[in-house]
Amino acid sequence: MQRKRFFFILLLVTLLLLVPLFAQQFTDEVNWTLFDFILAGVMLLSTGLFCDFIFRKVKTNKYSIAIIVAIFGMLLLIWAELAVGIFGTPLSGL
């Protein structure tokens, strides 16, 4: 069962990364490098695996949903910081 979930997470990450890959073919607005794809893949995969871990280990649905919402919030904040630099850290706009 764990292998099924892992492969589902991998499939979902791959499908999400195909969106900017195809968008690059049709517009100049999307300009991702190999480093961008690797970083996004690592972030999405680690988020997916961490959410799976939370679902398996936390028994109360209320707590697991709250933790997963916080995880996705952190993912979105890190993604926004790396993309446009909303906080102005040295990592902004990598």
Protein backbone atom coordinates (compact mmCIF):
# COMPACT_ATOMS: atom_id res chain seq x y z
CA MET A 1 0.00 0.00 0.00
CA GLN A 2 2.85 2.41 0.77
CA ARG A 3 4.34 1.84 -2.68
CA LYS A 4 1.02 2.77 -4.28
CA ARG A 5 0.89 6.04 -2.35
CA PHE A 6 4.53 6.81 -3.18
CA PHE A 7 3.97 6.20 -6.89
CA PHE A 8 0.78 8.29 -6.79
CA ILE A 9 2.73 11.18 -5.21
CA LEU A 10 5.46 10.79 -7.85
CA LEU A 11 2.86 10.79 -10.62
CA LEU A 12 1.18 13.88 -9.23
CA VAL A 13 4.51 15.74 -8.91
CA THR A 14 5.41 14.78 -12.47
CA LEU A 15 2.06 15.98 -13.81
CA LEU A 16 2.43 19.27 -11.95
CA LEU A 17 5.91 19.78 -13.38
CA LEU A 18 4.66 19.08 -16.89
CA VAL A 19 2.51 22.22 -16.73
CA PRO A 20 5.42 24.72 -16.85
CA LEU A 21 7.32 22.46 -19.24
CA PHE A 22 4.49 22.61 -21.77
CA ALA A 23 3.84 26.29 -21.08
CA GLN A 24 7.44 27.08 -22.03
CA GLN A 25 6.77 25.67 -25.48
CA PHE A 26 3.96 28.14 -26.19
CA THR A 27 4.93 31.37 -24.44
CA ASP A 28 7.98 33.36 -23.44
CA GLU A 29 6.37 34.27 -20.10
CA VAL A 30 7.48 30.96 -18.56
CA ASN A 31 11.26 30.64 -18.45
CA TRP A 32 12.28 27.81 -16.13
CA THR A 33 15.78 26.37 -16.00
CA LEU A 34 16.77 22.86 -15.03
CA PHE A 35 17.51 24.14 -11.52
CA ASP A 36 13.94 25.49 -11.26
CA PHE A 37 12.48 22.12 -12.21
CA ILE A 38 14.72 20.27 -9.75
CA LEU A 39 13.94 22.67 -6.91
CA ALA A 40 10.19 22.57 -7.61
CA GLY A 41 10.30 18.76 -7.82
CA VAL A 42 12.11 18.47 -4.50
CA MET A 43 9.70 20.89 -2.83
CA LEU A 44 6.58 19.18 -4.21
CA LEU A 45 7.85 15.67 -3.51
CA SER A 46 8.88 16.47 0.05
CA THR A 47 5.53 18.17 0.68
CA GLY A 48 3.65 15.17 -0.67
CA LEU A 49 5.67 12.68 1.34
CA PHE A 50 5.36 14.76 4.49
CA CYS A 51 1.57 15.00 4.05
CA ASP A 52 1.40 11.23 3.57
CA PHE A 53 3.43 10.79 6.77
CA ILE A 54 1.04 13.08 8.66
CA PHE A 55 -2.01 11.17 7.38
CA ARG A 56 -0.49 7.89 8.55
CA LYS A 57 0.78 9.00 11.97
CA VAL A 58 -1.79 11.54 13.26
CA LYS A 59 -4.95 9.75 14.33
CA THR A 60 -7.30 12.73 14.71
CA ASN A 61 -8.62 14.05 11.39
CA LYS A 62 -8.98 17.58 12.73
CA TYR A 63 -5.30 17.77 13.70
CA SER A 64 -4.04 16.11 10.54
CA ILE A 65 -5.98 18.53 8.33
CA ALA A 66 -4.72 21.51 10.32
CA ILE A 67 -1.12 20.32 10.02
CA ILE A 68 -1.48 19.69 6.28
CA VAL A 69 -2.99 23.15 5.72
CA ALA A 70 0.03 24.60 7.53
CA ILE A 71 2.38 22.52 5.36
CA PHE A 72 0.73 23.75 2.16
CA GLY A 73 0.83 27.33 3.48
CA MET A 74 4.56 27.00 4.06
CA LEU A 75 5.01 25.52 0.57
CA LEU A 76 3.18 28.45 -0.99
CA LEU A 77 5.17 31.02 1.00
CA ILE A 78 8.50 29.43 0.07
CA TRP A 79 7.42 29.14 -3.58
CA ALA A 80 6.37 32.80 -3.68
CA GLU A 81 9.62 33.89 -2.05
CA LEU A 82 11.70 31.96 -4.54
CA ALA A 83 9.63 33.22 -7.47
CA VAL A 84 9.24 36.93 -6.77
CA GLY A 85 10.74 37.66 -3.36
CA ILE A 86 7.83 38.74 -1.18
CA PHE A 87 10.05 38.91 1.92
CA GLY A 88 13.20 40.28 0.31
CA THR A 89 15.58 37.53 1.42
CA PRO A 90 18.77 36.78 -0.51
CA LEU A 91 16.95 33.78 -2.06
CA SER A 92 14.28 35.94 -3.66
CA GLY A 93 13.82 35.61 -7.36
CA LEU A 94 16.19 32.66 -7.80
